[in-house]
Amino acid sequence: MAVDGTYNIEVQTQMGNQPGKLTLKTDGDSLSGSFNTQMAGEQAFSGGTVSGDEATWSISVSGPMGQMKLDFKVKVTGDDISGQVQLGSFGTGNIKGKRA
């Protein structure tokens, strides 16, 4: 699928930009992978969905404010990935990157 791969990403948050790595793997319209940033650590996920070049998934991370659910919605165009992540109750951040 068009979204499969590993991406070097940057997540723009209210606490500054967070560089990291994202790996996406499709199986039909199901999505799994891993999300890794210094702030969130490495988080494996499954249960995401993919439709063409768009993907959505959720993870839960532990931080200074306790557990927070991150909801991702991205689009892959060639080797570029971009989209948004809902940062629990802390608003939305942009995510962008390139295939590694």
C-alpha atoms as a PDB file:
ATOM      1  CA  MET A   1       0.000   0.000   0.000  1.00  0.00           C
ATOM      2  CA  ALA A   2       0.997   3.589  -0.482  1.00  0.00           C
ATOM      3  CA  VAL A   3       1.345   4.348   3.244  1.00  0.00           C
ATOM      4  CA  ASP A   4       3.616   1.418   4.216  1.00  0.00           C
ATOM      5  CA  GLY A   5       7.060   2.438   5.392  1.00  0.00           C
ATOM      6  CA  THR A   6       9.165   4.216   7.969  1.00  0.00           C
ATOM      7  CA  TYR A   7       9.074   8.001   8.184  1.00  0.00           C
ATOM      8  CA  ASN A   8      11.251  10.593   9.895  1.00  0.00           C
ATOM      9  CA  ILE A   9       8.640  12.939  11.347  1.00  0.00           C
ATOM     10  CA  GLU A  10       8.197  16.111  13.332  1.00  0.00           C
ATOM     11  CA  VAL A  11       5.163  16.738  15.530  1.00  0.00           C
ATOM     12  CA  GLN A  12       4.408  20.406  16.206  1.00  0.00           C
ATOM     13  CA  THR A  13       3.004  20.762  19.732  1.00  0.00           C
ATOM     14  CA  GLN A  14       2.386  23.564  22.206  1.00  0.00           C
ATOM     15  CA  MET A  15       5.538  22.364  23.990  1.00  0.00           C
ATOM     16  CA  GLY A  16       7.655  22.708  20.842  1.00  0.00           C
ATOM     17  CA  ASN A  17       8.498  20.531  17.886  1.00  0.00           C
ATOM     18  CA  GLN A  18       9.094  16.848  18.639  1.00  0.00           C
ATOM     19  CA  PRO A  19      11.193  14.893  16.116  1.00  0.00           C
ATOM     20  CA  GLY A  20      10.616  11.171  15.859  1.00  0.00           C
ATOM     21  CA  LYS A  21      10.089   8.075  13.768  1.00  0.00           C
ATOM     22  CA  LEU A  22       6.851   6.522  12.540  1.00  0.00           C
ATOM     23  CA  THR A  23       6.447   3.058  11.023  1.00  0.00           C
ATOM     24  CA  LEU A  24       3.229   2.107   9.230  1.00  0.00           C
ATOM     25  CA  LYS A  25       2.220  -1.372   8.031  1.00  0.00           C
ATOM     26  CA  THR A  26      -1.014  -2.176   6.260  1.00  0.00           C
ATOM     27  CA  ASP A  27      -2.919  -5.441   5.953  1.00  0.00           C
ATOM     28  CA  GLY A  28      -5.879  -4.752   3.690  1.00  0.00           C
ATOM     29  CA  ASP A  29      -7.575  -1.732   5.264  1.00  0.00           C
ATOM     30  CA  SER A  30      -6.079  -2.420   8.735  1.00  0.00           C
ATOM     31  CA  LEU A  31      -3.093  -0.455  10.019  1.00  0.00           C
ATOM     32  CA  SER A  32      -0.450  -1.197  12.647  1.00  0.00           C
ATOM     33  CA  GLY A  33       2.969   0.189  13.396  1.00  0.00           C
ATOM     34  CA  SER A  34       4.966   2.196  15.893  1.00  0.00           C
ATOM     35  CA  PHE A  35       5.335   5.841  16.900  1.00  0.00           C
ATOM     36  CA  ASN A  36       8.527   6.995  18.603  1.00  0.00           C
ATOM     37  CA  THR A  37       9.389  10.463  19.952  1.00  0.00           C
ATOM     38  CA  GLN A  38      11.523  11.553  22.884  1.00  0.00           C
ATOM     39  CA  MET A  39       8.444  12.803  24.731  1.00  0.00           C
ATOM     40  CA  ALA A  40       6.180   9.783  24.083  1.00  0.00           C
ATOM     41  CA  GLY A  41       8.816   7.056  23.871  1.00  0.00           C
ATOM     42  CA  GLU A  42       8.175   4.138  21.526  1.00  0.00           C
ATOM     43  CA  GLN A  43       4.532   3.123  21.268  1.00  0.00           C
ATOM     44  CA  ALA A  44       3.391   0.182  19.153  1.00  0.00           C
ATOM     45  CA  PHE A  45      -0.172   0.358  17.877  1.00  0.00           C
ATOM     46  CA  SER A  46      -2.730  -1.687  15.998  1.00  0.00           C
ATOM     47  CA  GLY A  47      -6.368  -1.223  15.138  1.00  0.00           C
ATOM     48  CA  GLY A  48      -5.783   1.705  12.798  1.00  0.00           C
ATOM     49  CA  THR A  49      -7.422   2.040   9.417  1.00  0.00           C
ATOM     50  CA  VAL A  50      -6.209   2.982   5.967  1.00  0.00           C
ATOM     51  CA  SER A  51      -8.152   4.159   2.933  1.00  0.00           C
ATOM     52  CA  GLY A  52      -6.028   4.807  -0.134  1.00  0.00           C
ATOM     53  CA  ASP A  53      -3.338   7.292   0.918  1.00  0.00           C
ATOM     54  CA  GLU A  54      -5.030   8.283   4.210  1.00  0.00           C
ATOM     55  CA  ALA A  55      -4.496   6.591   7.587  1.00  0.00           C
ATOM     56  CA  THR A  56      -5.903   6.982  11.101  1.00  0.00           C
ATOM     57  CA  TRP A  57      -4.878   5.415  14.418  1.00  0.00           C
ATOM     58  CA  SER A  58      -4.766   6.124  18.149  1.00  0.00           C
ATOM     59  CA  ILE A  59      -2.251   5.546  20.923  1.00  0.00           C
ATOM     60  CA  SER A  60      -2.179   6.282  24.649  1.00  0.00           C
ATOM     61  CA  VAL A  61       0.919   7.795  26.217  1.00  0.00           C
ATOM     62  CA  SER A  62       1.933   8.500  29.803  1.00  0.00           C
ATOM     63  CA  GLY A  63       3.320  11.907  30.633  1.00  0.00           C
ATOM     64  CA  PRO A  64       3.627  14.473  33.414  1.00  0.00           C
ATOM     65  CA  MET A  65      -0.124  15.115  33.164  1.00  0.00           C
ATOM     66  CA  GLY A  66      -1.021  11.392  33.273  1.00  0.00           C
ATOM     67  CA  GLN A  67      -2.442   9.265  30.446  1.00  0.00           C
ATOM     68  CA  MET A  68      -3.240  11.044  27.199  1.00  0.00           C
ATOM     69  CA  LYS A  69      -4.866   9.650  24.049  1.00  0.00           C
ATOM     70  CA  LEU A  70      -3.339  10.744  20.750  1.00  0.00           C
ATOM     71  CA  ASP A  71      -5.552  10.457  17.659  1.00  0.00           C
ATOM     72  CA  PHE A  72      -3.698  10.631  14.338  1.00  0.00           C
ATOM     73  CA  LYS A  73      -5.008  11.375  10.851  1.00  0.00           C
ATOM     74  CA  VAL A  74      -2.401  11.533   8.078  1.00  0.00           C
ATOM     75  CA  LYS A  75      -2.084  11.507   4.312  1.00  0.00           C
ATOM     76  CA  VAL A  76       0.845  10.107   2.347  1.00  0.00           C
ATOM     77  CA  THR A  77       1.764  11.740  -0.955  1.00  0.00           C
ATOM     78  CA  GLY A  78       4.744  10.019  -2.573  1.00  0.00           C
ATOM     79  CA  ASP A  79       7.419  10.028   0.147  1.00  0.00           C
ATOM     80  CA  ASP A  80       5.804  12.858   2.155  1.00  0.00           C
ATOM     81  CA  ILE A  81       3.504  12.368   5.127  1.00  0.00           C
ATOM     82  CA  SER A  82       1.417  15.110   6.720  1.00  0.00           C
ATOM     83  CA  GLY A  83      -1.621  15.468   8.906  1.00  0.00           C
ATOM     84  CA  GLN A  84      -2.777  16.204  12.408  1.00  0.00           C
ATOM     85  CA  VAL A  85      -2.752  14.621  15.823  1.00  0.00           C
ATOM     86  CA  GLN A  86      -5.330  15.377  18.518  1.00  0.00           C
ATOM     87  CA  LEU A  87      -3.311  15.745  21.726  1.00  0.00           C
ATOM     88  CA  GLY A  88      -5.921  14.664  24.241  1.00  0.00           C
ATOM     89  CA  SER A  89      -7.532  17.802  25.668  1.00  0.00           C
ATOM     90  CA  PHE A  90      -4.487  19.915  24.713  1.00  0.00           C
ATOM     91  CA  GLY A  91      -5.554  20.761  21.182  1.00  0.00           C
ATOM     92  CA  THR A  92      -4.232  19.662  17.826  1.00  0.00           C
ATOM     93  CA  GLY A  93      -0.687  19.443  16.524  1.00  0.00           C
ATOM     94  CA  ASN A  94       0.552  19.126  12.978  1.00  0.00           C
ATOM     95  CA  ILE A  95       2.644  16.186  11.890  1.00  0.00           C
ATOM     96  CA  LYS A  96       4.892  16.110   8.829  1.00  0.00           C
ATOM     97  CA  GLY A  97       7.794  14.082   7.564  1.00  0.00           C
ATOM     98  CA  LYS A  98       9.457  12.100   4.806  1.00  0.00           C
ATOM     99  CA  ARG A  99       9.922   8.413   4.138  1.00  0.00           C
ATOM    100  CA  ALA A 100      13.246   7.249   5.601  1.00  0.00           C
END
